[in-house]
Amino acid sequence: GLQASTKKRDYSAFICGGDAIVVNVTSDEENDPDSLSQDKCDVFTDADHPGPQCTLRAAIQVAEHHTGIDRIQFAIPGTGVKVISPLTNLPPLTQPVTIDGESQERSAGGGNVELRGNNFANQSQAFGLRLMAGSNGSVIHKLVFNDWGEAIRIEHSDTSTVTGCMIGTTADGMSP
């Protein structure tokens, strides 16, 4: 499994390989096409947004673009629960990936990562994460899901694992 490291790492020049794709903003933008073509996660490449800005949607796009097993981790600044409310369904996962919500707790900001499906007019069509054919061996770890028609859909994805997640509650374990 993943092990916590005490080493400080610079993710500003992230390229897929041995490092994780690090989500550091809660907004819902897609990845910049030039960044994606280089297996980098950065939704804004203009001077008004210095440094890489990586959303969960963009991180999934990078993981899907890159061949091989990927890790998506979180290091969203600020304290408390980090809420991500996608405006549309996130891209399906068709390659092995570990999405590690516990990594946020280990980062400077701490707190949980909560995925909310509250932006959908039709909740029955709101899917949190979708592990599809080809994503065998994926791991979804320690995320909070609420307001989804289906929080996690696993379809033709053998040996995938969901651990430590809270589904249908807020991060404090209470009903929304």
N, C-alpha and C. Protein backbone atom coordinates (compact mmCIF):
# COMPACT_ATOMS: atom_id res chain seq x y z
N GLY A 1 0.82 -1.19 0.00
CA GLY A 1 0.00 0.00 0.00
C GLY A 1 0.86 1.25 0.00
N LEU A 2 0.19 2.37 0.08
CA LEU A 2 0.90 3.65 0.12
C LEU A 2 1.45 3.87 1.51
N GLN A 3 2.61 4.47 1.59
CA GLN A 3 3.21 4.78 2.86
C GLN A 3 3.44 6.28 2.94
N ALA A 4 3.19 6.84 4.09
CA ALA A 4 3.43 8.27 4.30
C ALA A 4 4.93 8.52 4.30
N SER A 5 5.31 9.64 3.74
CA SER A 5 6.72 10.00 3.71
C SER A 5 6.90 11.32 4.46
N THR A 6 8.00 11.45 5.15
CA THR A 6 8.27 12.70 5.86
C THR A 6 9.05 13.67 4.97
N LYS A 7 9.43 13.23 3.78
CA LYS A 7 10.16 14.10 2.87
C LYS A 7 9.20 15.14 2.27
N LYS A 8 9.67 16.38 2.16
CA LYS A 8 8.89 17.40 1.45
C LYS A 8 9.14 17.19 -0.03
N ARG A 9 8.06 17.26 -0.82
CA ARG A 9 8.20 17.02 -2.24
C ARG A 9 7.69 18.22 -3.01
N ASP A 10 8.33 18.53 -4.11
CA ASP A 10 7.90 19.61 -4.98
C ASP A 10 7.12 19.00 -6.13
N TYR A 11 5.81 19.23 -6.14
CA TYR A 11 4.96 18.68 -7.18
C TYR A 11 4.74 19.67 -8.33
N SER A 12 5.41 20.81 -8.30
CA SER A 12 5.16 21.83 -9.31
C SER A 12 5.53 21.39 -10.71
N ALA A 13 6.42 20.46 -10.85
CA ALA A 13 6.81 20.00 -12.17
C ALA A 13 6.38 18.55 -12.38
N PHE A 14 5.24 18.17 -11.80
CA PHE A 14 4.79 16.79 -11.84
C PHE A 14 4.67 16.28 -13.28
N ILE A 15 5.26 15.15 -13.51
CA ILE A 15 5.06 14.39 -14.73
C ILE A 15 4.79 12.96 -14.28
N CYS A 16 3.82 12.31 -14.89
CA CYS A 16 3.46 10.95 -14.47
C CYS A 16 4.68 10.05 -14.49
N GLY A 17 4.71 9.16 -13.58
CA GLY A 17 5.82 8.23 -13.46
C GLY A 17 5.76 7.69 -12.06
N GLY A 18 6.75 7.99 -11.23
CA GLY A 18 6.77 7.50 -9.87
C GLY A 18 6.03 8.40 -8.91
N ASP A 19 5.71 9.61 -9.29
CA ASP A 19 5.07 10.56 -8.39
C ASP A 19 3.55 10.50 -8.51
N ALA A 20 2.89 11.11 -7.55
CA ALA A 20 1.44 11.18 -7.55
C ALA A 20 0.97 12.41 -8.32
N ILE A 21 -0.25 12.35 -8.79
CA ILE A 21 -0.94 13.50 -9.34
C ILE A 21 -1.60 14.17 -8.14
N VAL A 22 -1.28 15.43 -7.87
CA VAL A 22 -1.73 16.07 -6.64
C VAL A 22 -2.81 17.10 -6.92
N VAL A 23 -4.00 16.87 -6.37
CA VAL A 23 -5.12 17.80 -6.46
C VAL A 23 -4.89 18.88 -5.41
N ASN A 24 -4.87 20.15 -5.86
CA ASN A 24 -4.62 21.23 -4.90
C ASN A 24 -5.65 22.35 -4.95
N VAL A 25 -6.74 22.18 -5.71
CA VAL A 25 -7.86 23.14 -5.72
C VAL A 25 -9.17 22.36 -5.74
N THR A 26 -10.24 22.98 -5.24
CA THR A 26 -11.54 22.32 -5.15
C THR A 26 -12.46 22.64 -6.32
N SER A 27 -12.05 23.51 -7.23
CA SER A 27 -12.91 23.87 -8.36
C SER A 27 -13.00 22.69 -9.33
N ASP A 28 -13.67 22.87 -10.47
CA ASP A 28 -14.00 21.74 -11.33
C ASP A 28 -13.55 21.90 -12.78
N GLU A 29 -12.51 22.67 -13.03
CA GLU A 29 -12.07 22.87 -14.41
C GLU A 29 -11.41 21.62 -14.99
N GLU A 30 -11.47 21.54 -16.34
CA GLU A 30 -10.76 20.49 -17.06
C GLU A 30 -9.29 20.88 -17.18
N ASN A 31 -8.46 19.90 -17.48
CA ASN A 31 -7.03 20.15 -17.64
C ASN A 31 -6.78 20.96 -18.91
N ASP A 32 -5.76 21.79 -18.88
CA ASP A 32 -5.32 22.52 -20.05
C ASP A 32 -4.80 21.51 -21.08
N PRO A 33 -5.22 21.61 -22.36
CA PRO A 33 -4.79 20.62 -23.36
C PRO A 33 -3.27 20.51 -23.51
N ASP A 34 -2.54 21.63 -23.44
CA ASP A 34 -1.09 21.56 -23.56
C ASP A 34 -0.48 20.82 -22.37
N SER A 35 -1.01 21.08 -21.18
CA SER A 35 -0.52 20.38 -19.99
C SER A 35 -0.82 18.89 -20.09
N LEU A 36 -2.03 18.55 -20.53
CA LEU A 36 -2.42 17.15 -20.65
C LEU A 36 -1.52 16.41 -21.64
N SER A 37 -1.17 17.06 -22.75
CA SER A 37 -0.31 16.40 -23.74
C SER A 37 1.07 16.08 -23.18
N GLN A 38 1.45 16.75 -22.08
CA GLN A 38 2.74 16.50 -21.43
C GLN A 38 2.58 15.68 -20.14
N ASP A 39 1.38 15.11 -19.92
CA ASP A 39 1.08 14.36 -18.70
C ASP A 39 1.24 15.22 -17.46
N LYS A 40 0.91 16.49 -17.55
CA LYS A 40 0.96 17.40 -16.41
C LYS A 40 -0.46 17.81 -16.04
N CYS A 41 -0.65 18.13 -14.78
CA CYS A 41 -1.96 18.57 -14.31
C CYS A 41 -1.88 20.06 -13.99
N ASP A 42 -2.51 20.88 -14.83
CA ASP A 42 -2.56 22.32 -14.61
C ASP A 42 -3.73 22.88 -15.41
N VAL A 43 -4.76 23.35 -14.71
CA VAL A 43 -5.96 23.82 -15.39
C VAL A 43 -5.82 25.26 -15.89
N PHE A 44 -4.91 26.02 -15.32
CA PHE A 44 -4.67 27.40 -15.76
C PHE A 44 -3.19 27.55 -16.08
N THR A 45 -2.89 28.06 -17.24
CA THR A 45 -1.48 28.26 -17.60
C THR A 45 -1.18 29.74 -17.85
N ASP A 46 -2.06 30.62 -17.37
CA ASP A 46 -1.84 32.05 -17.59
C ASP A 46 -1.15 32.67 -16.38
N ALA A 47 -0.73 33.92 -16.55
CA ALA A 47 0.02 34.62 -15.49
C ALA A 47 -0.85 34.93 -14.27
N ASP A 48 -2.17 34.95 -14.44
CA ASP A 48 -3.06 35.24 -13.30
C ASP A 48 -3.16 34.08 -12.32
N HIS A 49 -2.71 32.92 -12.71
CA HIS A 49 -2.78 31.72 -11.86
C HIS A 49 -1.39 31.08 -11.80
N PRO A 50 -0.48 31.63 -11.02
CA PRO A 50 0.89 31.09 -10.98
C PRO A 50 0.93 29.70 -10.33
N GLY A 51 1.83 28.90 -10.83
CA GLY A 51 1.98 27.55 -10.28
C GLY A 51 0.90 26.63 -10.80
N PRO A 52 1.11 25.33 -10.70
CA PRO A 52 0.11 24.38 -11.18
C PRO A 52 -1.14 24.39 -10.31
N GLN A 53 -2.29 24.37 -10.94
CA GLN A 53 -3.59 24.27 -10.28
C GLN A 53 -4.23 22.99 -10.79
N CYS A 54 -4.42 22.02 -9.91
CA CYS A 54 -4.92 20.71 -10.33
C CYS A 54 -6.23 20.39 -9.64
N THR A 55 -7.30 20.23 -10.42
CA THR A 55 -8.60 19.84 -9.90
C THR A 55 -8.71 18.31 -9.93
N LEU A 56 -9.71 17.76 -9.26
CA LEU A 56 -9.92 16.31 -9.32
C LEU A 56 -10.25 15.89 -10.74
N ARG A 57 -11.07 16.66 -11.44
CA ARG A 57 -11.41 16.34 -12.83
C ARG A 57 -10.14 16.28 -13.69
N ALA A 58 -9.28 17.28 -13.56
CA ALA A 58 -8.04 17.33 -14.34
C ALA A 58 -7.11 16.18 -13.96
N ALA A 59 -7.05 15.84 -12.67
CA ALA A 59 -6.20 14.73 -12.22
C ALA A 59 -6.67 13.41 -12.85
N ILE A 60 -7.98 13.21 -12.92
CA ILE A 60 -8.51 12.00 -13.56
C ILE A 60 -8.16 12.01 -15.05
N GLN A 61 -8.26 13.17 -15.68
CA GLN A 61 -7.89 13.26 -17.10
C GLN A 61 -6.43 12.87 -17.31
N VAL A 62 -5.54 13.35 -16.45
CA VAL A 62 -4.12 13.00 -16.57
C VAL A 62 -3.92 11.50 -16.35
N ALA A 63 -4.57 10.95 -15.33
CA ALA A 63 -4.44 9.51 -15.06
C ALA A 63 -4.94 8.68 -16.25
N GLU A 64 -6.00 9.13 -16.89
CA GLU A 64 -6.53 8.43 -18.05
C GLU A 64 -5.63 8.59 -19.27
N HIS A 65 -4.98 9.71 -19.40
CA HIS A 65 -4.09 9.98 -20.54
C HIS A 65 -2.79 9.19 -20.43
N HIS A 66 -2.33 9.03 -19.21
CA HIS A 66 -1.06 8.36 -18.94
C HIS A 66 -1.27 6.85 -18.87
N THR A 67 -0.38 6.10 -19.50
CA THR A 67 -0.45 4.64 -19.44
C THR A 67 0.21 4.16 -18.16
N GLY A 68 -0.41 3.22 -17.50
CA GLY A 68 0.16 2.65 -16.28
C GLY A 68 -0.69 2.99 -15.08
N ILE A 69 -0.26 2.53 -13.94
CA ILE A 69 -0.97 2.74 -12.67
C ILE A 69 -0.62 4.13 -12.14
N ASP A 70 -1.63 4.87 -11.73
CA ASP A 70 -1.42 6.23 -11.21
C ASP A 70 -1.97 6.35 -9.79
N ARG A 71 -1.46 7.37 -9.09
CA ARG A 71 -1.96 7.72 -7.76
C ARG A 71 -2.44 9.17 -7.81
N ILE A 72 -3.64 9.40 -7.31
CA ILE A 72 -4.14 10.75 -7.15
C ILE A 72 -4.19 11.03 -5.66
N GLN A 73 -3.50 12.09 -5.25
CA GLN A 73 -3.47 12.49 -3.85
C GLN A 73 -3.98 13.92 -3.73
N PHE A 74 -4.17 14.37 -2.51
CA PHE A 74 -4.73 15.69 -2.25
C PHE A 74 -3.82 16.50 -1.34
N ALA A 75 -3.66 17.77 -1.66
CA ALA A 75 -2.93 18.72 -0.83
C ALA A 75 -3.57 20.09 -1.05
N ILE A 76 -4.83 20.20 -0.65
CA ILE A 76 -5.60 21.43 -0.84
C ILE A 76 -5.36 22.33 0.36
N PRO A 77 -4.89 23.57 0.13
CA PRO A 77 -4.57 24.45 1.25
C PRO A 77 -5.81 24.83 2.06
N GLY A 78 -5.56 25.27 3.28
CA GLY A 78 -6.63 25.69 4.18
C GLY A 78 -6.98 24.60 5.17
N THR A 79 -7.76 24.97 6.16
CA THR A 79 -8.12 24.02 7.20
C THR A 79 -9.52 23.47 6.98
N GLY A 80 -9.83 22.39 7.65
CA GLY A 80 -11.17 21.82 7.60
C GLY A 80 -11.41 20.94 6.39
N VAL A 81 -12.68 20.58 6.22
CA VAL A 81 -13.11 19.70 5.14
C VAL A 81 -12.96 20.41 3.80
N LYS A 82 -12.43 19.70 2.81
CA LYS A 82 -12.28 20.24 1.46
C LYS A 82 -13.41 19.65 0.63
N VAL A 83 -14.34 20.50 0.17
CA VAL A 83 -15.51 20.06 -0.57
C VAL A 83 -15.30 20.27 -2.06
N ILE A 84 -15.47 19.20 -2.82
CA ILE A 84 -15.39 19.24 -4.27
C ILE A 84 -16.78 18.90 -4.80
N SER A 85 -17.39 19.85 -5.53
CA SER A 85 -18.74 19.67 -6.07
C SER A 85 -18.70 19.77 -7.59
N PRO A 86 -18.47 18.65 -8.27
CA PRO A 86 -18.40 18.69 -9.73
C PRO A 86 -19.69 19.22 -10.35
N LEU A 87 -19.55 19.92 -11.47
CA LEU A 87 -20.71 20.47 -12.18
C LEU A 87 -21.34 19.44 -13.10
N THR A 88 -20.56 18.45 -13.52
CA THR A 88 -21.03 17.33 -14.33
C THR A 88 -20.32 16.08 -13.81
N ASN A 89 -20.76 14.91 -14.29
CA ASN A 89 -20.12 13.67 -13.86
C ASN A 89 -18.63 13.72 -14.18
N LEU A 90 -17.83 13.22 -13.27
CA LEU A 90 -16.39 13.13 -13.50
C LEU A 90 -16.12 12.08 -14.57
N PRO A 91 -14.99 12.18 -15.27
CA PRO A 91 -14.68 11.17 -16.30
C PRO A 91 -14.59 9.78 -15.67
N PRO A 92 -15.03 8.76 -16.41
CA PRO A 92 -14.90 7.39 -15.88
C PRO A 92 -13.43 6.98 -15.85
N LEU A 93 -13.11 6.12 -14.92
CA LEU A 93 -11.75 5.59 -14.79
C LEU A 93 -11.68 4.27 -15.54
N THR A 94 -10.78 4.18 -16.51
CA THR A 94 -10.65 2.97 -17.33
C THR A 94 -9.25 2.39 -17.24
N GLN A 95 -8.44 2.92 -16.32
CA GLN A 95 -7.10 2.40 -16.06
C GLN A 95 -6.93 2.33 -14.55
N PRO A 96 -6.02 1.48 -14.06
CA PRO A 96 -5.83 1.37 -12.61
C PRO A 96 -5.35 2.69 -11.99
N VAL A 97 -5.98 3.05 -10.89
CA VAL A 97 -5.62 4.28 -10.18
C VAL A 97 -5.93 4.11 -8.70
N THR A 98 -5.13 4.74 -7.86
CA THR A 98 -5.44 4.85 -6.45
C THR A 98 -5.79 6.30 -6.19
N ILE A 99 -6.97 6.54 -5.62
CA ILE A 99 -7.36 7.88 -5.22
C ILE A 99 -7.35 7.89 -3.70
N ASP A 100 -6.39 8.61 -3.13
CA ASP A 100 -6.09 8.54 -1.70
C ASP A 100 -6.54 9.79 -0.95
N GLY A 101 -7.75 9.76 -0.41
CA GLY A 101 -8.26 10.88 0.37
C GLY A 101 -7.49 11.12 1.65
N GLU A 102 -6.88 10.08 2.19
CA GLU A 102 -6.12 10.21 3.44
C GLU A 102 -4.89 11.10 3.25
N SER A 103 -4.43 11.23 2.02
CA SER A 103 -3.27 12.09 1.76
C SER A 103 -3.56 13.54 2.16
N GLN A 104 -4.83 13.98 2.08
CA GLN A 104 -5.19 15.33 2.50
C GLN A 104 -4.97 15.50 4.01
N GLU A 105 -5.29 14.49 4.77
CA GLU A 105 -5.10 14.55 6.21
C GLU A 105 -3.63 14.68 6.57
N ARG A 106 -2.76 14.12 5.73
CA ARG A 106 -1.33 14.19 5.99
C ARG A 106 -0.72 15.50 5.50
N SER A 107 -1.45 16.25 4.66
CA SER A 107 -0.92 17.50 4.12
C SER A 107 -1.06 18.62 5.15
N ALA A 108 -0.50 19.77 4.85
CA ALA A 108 -0.48 20.89 5.79
C ALA A 108 -1.87 21.33 6.21
N GLY A 109 -2.84 21.30 5.29
CA GLY A 109 -4.19 21.79 5.61
C GLY A 109 -4.99 20.82 6.45
N GLY A 110 -4.73 19.54 6.30
CA GLY A 110 -5.48 18.53 7.04
C GLY A 110 -6.92 18.46 6.58
N GLY A 111 -7.75 17.73 7.32
CA GLY A 111 -9.17 17.60 7.00
C GLY A 111 -9.45 16.48 6.02
N ASN A 112 -10.73 16.29 5.75
CA ASN A 112 -11.19 15.26 4.83
C ASN A 112 -11.47 15.86 3.46
N VAL A 113 -11.61 14.99 2.47
CA VAL A 113 -12.04 15.39 1.13
C VAL A 113 -13.45 14.85 0.95
N GLU A 114 -14.38 15.75 0.68
CA GLU A 114 -15.79 15.40 0.51
C GLU A 114 -16.21 15.68 -0.93
N LEU A 115 -16.72 14.66 -1.60
CA LEU A 115 -17.25 14.83 -2.95
C LEU A 115 -18.76 14.95 -2.86
N ARG A 116 -19.29 16.08 -3.32
CA ARG A 116 -20.74 16.33 -3.26
C ARG A 116 -21.33 16.37 -4.66
N GLY A 117 -22.44 15.70 -4.81
CA GLY A 117 -23.15 15.70 -6.09
C GLY A 117 -24.32 16.66 -6.10
N ASN A 118 -24.24 17.73 -5.33
CA ASN A 118 -25.37 18.63 -5.14
C ASN A 118 -25.62 19.58 -6.32
N ASN A 119 -24.80 19.56 -7.37
CA ASN A 119 -25.01 20.46 -8.51
C ASN A 119 -25.85 19.83 -9.62
N PHE A 120 -26.35 18.64 -9.41
CA PHE A 120 -27.10 17.94 -10.45
C PHE A 120 -28.60 18.14 -10.26
N ALA A 121 -29.29 18.52 -11.32
CA ALA A 121 -30.74 18.68 -11.27
C ALA A 121 -31.42 17.33 -11.08
N ASN A 122 -30.87 16.30 -11.71
CA ASN A 122 -31.42 14.95 -11.61
C ASN A 122 -30.43 14.08 -10.85
N GLN A 123 -30.65 13.92 -9.56
CA GLN A 123 -29.72 13.17 -8.70
C GLN A 123 -29.53 11.72 -9.17
N SER A 124 -30.54 11.13 -9.80
CA SER A 124 -30.41 9.73 -10.22
C SER A 124 -29.35 9.57 -11.31
N GLN A 125 -28.97 10.66 -11.96
CA GLN A 125 -27.94 10.60 -13.00
C GLN A 125 -26.60 11.15 -12.53
N ALA A 126 -26.46 11.35 -11.22
CA ALA A 126 -25.22 11.87 -10.65
C ALA A 126 -24.37 10.71 -10.16
N PHE A 127 -23.19 10.54 -10.77
CA PHE A 127 -22.26 9.47 -10.40
C PHE A 127 -21.01 10.09 -9.80
N GLY A 128 -20.63 9.67 -8.60
CA GLY A 128 -19.42 10.17 -7.97
C GLY A 128 -18.18 9.73 -8.72
N LEU A 129 -17.75 8.51 -8.51
CA LEU A 129 -16.62 7.94 -9.24
C LEU A 129 -17.09 6.67 -9.93
N ARG A 130 -16.61 6.48 -11.15
CA ARG A 130 -16.99 5.30 -11.93
C ARG A 130 -15.74 4.53 -12.33
N LEU A 131 -15.62 3.31 -11.80
CA LEU A 131 -14.52 2.41 -12.15
C LEU A 131 -15.05 1.46 -13.21
N MET A 132 -14.56 1.61 -14.43
CA MET A 132 -15.08 0.85 -15.55
C MET A 132 -14.06 -0.21 -16.00
N ALA A 133 -14.41 -0.94 -17.04
CA ALA A 133 -13.53 -1.98 -17.57
C ALA A 133 -12.14 -1.40 -17.81
N GLY A 134 -11.13 -2.13 -17.38
CA GLY A 134 -9.74 -1.70 -17.54
C GLY A 134 -9.15 -1.10 -16.27
N SER A 135 -10.00 -0.75 -15.30
CA SER A 135 -9.50 -0.12 -14.07
C SER A 135 -9.25 -1.14 -12.96
N ASN A 136 -9.08 -2.41 -13.34
CA ASN A 136 -8.84 -3.49 -12.37
C ASN A 136 -7.73 -3.12 -11.39
N GLY A 137 -7.97 -3.41 -10.13
CA GLY A 137 -6.96 -3.15 -9.11
C GLY A 137 -6.97 -1.73 -8.57
N SER A 138 -7.94 -0.93 -8.97
CA SER A 138 -8.01 0.45 -8.46
C SER A 138 -8.38 0.46 -6.99
N VAL A 139 -8.00 1.54 -6.31
CA VAL A 139 -8.31 1.71 -4.89
C VAL A 139 -8.89 3.11 -4.69
N ILE A 140 -10.03 3.17 -4.03
CA ILE A 140 -10.63 4.44 -3.61
C ILE A 140 -10.55 4.42 -2.09
N HIS A 141 -9.80 5.37 -1.52
CA HIS A 141 -9.50 5.31 -0.09
C HIS A 141 -9.84 6.62 0.61
N LYS A 142 -10.63 6.50 1.66
CA LYS A 142 -10.90 7.54 2.64
C LYS A 142 -11.39 8.85 2.03
N LEU A 143 -12.47 8.74 1.23
CA LEU A 143 -13.18 9.91 0.72
C LEU A 143 -14.58 9.92 1.32
N VAL A 144 -15.21 11.08 1.31
CA VAL A 144 -16.58 11.23 1.79
C VAL A 144 -17.45 11.54 0.57
N PHE A 145 -18.56 10.81 0.42
CA PHE A 145 -19.47 11.01 -0.71
C PHE A 145 -20.86 11.34 -0.18
N ASN A 146 -21.46 12.42 -0.68
CA ASN A 146 -22.88 12.64 -0.39
C ASN A 146 -23.56 13.37 -1.54
N ASP A 147 -24.88 13.25 -1.59
CA ASP A 147 -25.73 13.85 -2.62
C ASP A 147 -25.50 13.27 -4.01
N TRP A 148 -25.18 11.98 -4.10
CA TRP A 148 -25.00 11.33 -5.39
C TRP A 148 -26.10 10.31 -5.63
N GLY A 149 -26.51 10.13 -6.88
CA GLY A 149 -27.40 9.03 -7.23
C GLY A 149 -26.68 7.71 -6.97
N GLU A 150 -25.41 7.65 -7.40
CA GLU A 150 -24.52 6.52 -7.10
C GLU A 150 -23.17 7.12 -6.72
N ALA A 151 -22.73 6.87 -5.51
CA ALA A 151 -21.46 7.44 -5.04
C ALA A 151 -20.28 6.83 -5.79
N ILE A 152 -20.26 5.50 -5.86
CA ILE A 152 -19.17 4.79 -6.53
C ILE A 152 -19.78 3.67 -7.36
N ARG A 153 -19.51 3.68 -8.63
CA ARG A 153 -19.98 2.60 -9.51
C ARG A 153 -18.77 1.79 -9.94
N ILE A 154 -18.81 0.49 -9.68
CA ILE A 154 -17.75 -0.42 -10.13
C ILE A 154 -18.38 -1.37 -11.12
N GLU A 155 -17.95 -1.25 -12.38
CA GLU A 155 -18.56 -2.02 -13.45
C GLU A 155 -17.46 -2.66 -14.29
N HIS A 156 -17.38 -3.98 -14.26
CA HIS A 156 -16.35 -4.71 -15.02
C HIS A 156 -14.94 -4.30 -14.59
N SER A 157 -14.77 -4.06 -13.30
CA SER A 157 -13.47 -3.67 -12.76
C SER A 157 -13.13 -4.63 -11.62
N ASP A 158 -12.53 -5.75 -11.97
CA ASP A 158 -12.21 -6.78 -10.99
C ASP A 158 -11.13 -6.30 -10.03
N THR A 159 -11.17 -6.79 -8.85
CA THR A 159 -10.18 -6.59 -7.79
C THR A 159 -10.01 -5.13 -7.38
N SER A 160 -10.98 -4.28 -7.69
CA SER A 160 -10.92 -2.90 -7.20
C SER A 160 -11.42 -2.87 -5.77
N THR A 161 -10.92 -1.90 -5.00
CA THR A 161 -11.20 -1.84 -3.57
C THR A 161 -11.64 -0.44 -3.16
N VAL A 162 -12.63 -0.40 -2.28
CA VAL A 162 -13.06 0.85 -1.65
C VAL A 162 -12.84 0.67 -0.16
N THR A 163 -12.00 1.53 0.44
CA THR A 163 -11.69 1.39 1.86
C THR A 163 -11.83 2.72 2.59
N GLY A 164 -12.36 2.67 3.80
CA GLY A 164 -12.38 3.83 4.68
C GLY A 164 -13.24 4.99 4.21
N CYS A 165 -14.10 4.78 3.22
CA CYS A 165 -14.94 5.86 2.70
C CYS A 165 -16.23 5.99 3.51
N MET A 166 -16.77 7.20 3.55
CA MET A 166 -18.08 7.43 4.13
C MET A 166 -19.01 7.80 2.99
N ILE A 167 -20.14 7.09 2.89
CA ILE A 167 -21.07 7.30 1.79
C ILE A 167 -22.43 7.69 2.35
N GLY A 168 -22.96 8.82 1.85
CA GLY A 168 -24.27 9.30 2.26
C GLY A 168 -24.23 10.16 3.51
N THR A 169 -23.05 10.55 3.97
CA THR A 169 -22.93 11.40 5.15
C THR A 169 -22.05 12.59 4.82
N THR A 170 -21.99 13.51 5.74
CA THR A 170 -21.02 14.58 5.65
C THR A 170 -19.74 14.08 6.31
N ALA A 171 -18.68 14.87 6.25
CA ALA A 171 -17.38 14.42 6.76
C ALA A 171 -17.39 14.13 8.24
N ASP A 172 -18.33 14.72 8.99
CA ASP A 172 -18.41 14.47 10.43
C ASP A 172 -19.20 13.19 10.74
N GLY A 173 -19.64 12.47 9.69
CA GLY A 173 -20.36 11.23 9.88
C GLY A 173 -21.86 11.40 10.08
N MET A 174 -22.34 12.64 9.98
CA MET A 174 -23.77 12.91 10.15
C MET A 174 -24.44 12.97 8.78
N SER A 175 -25.76 12.84 8.75
CA SER A 175 -26.50 12.96 7.50
C SER A 175 -26.42 14.39 6.99
N PRO A 176 -26.36 14.55 5.66
CA PRO A 176 -26.31 15.93 5.13
C PRO A 176 -27.61 16.67 5.36
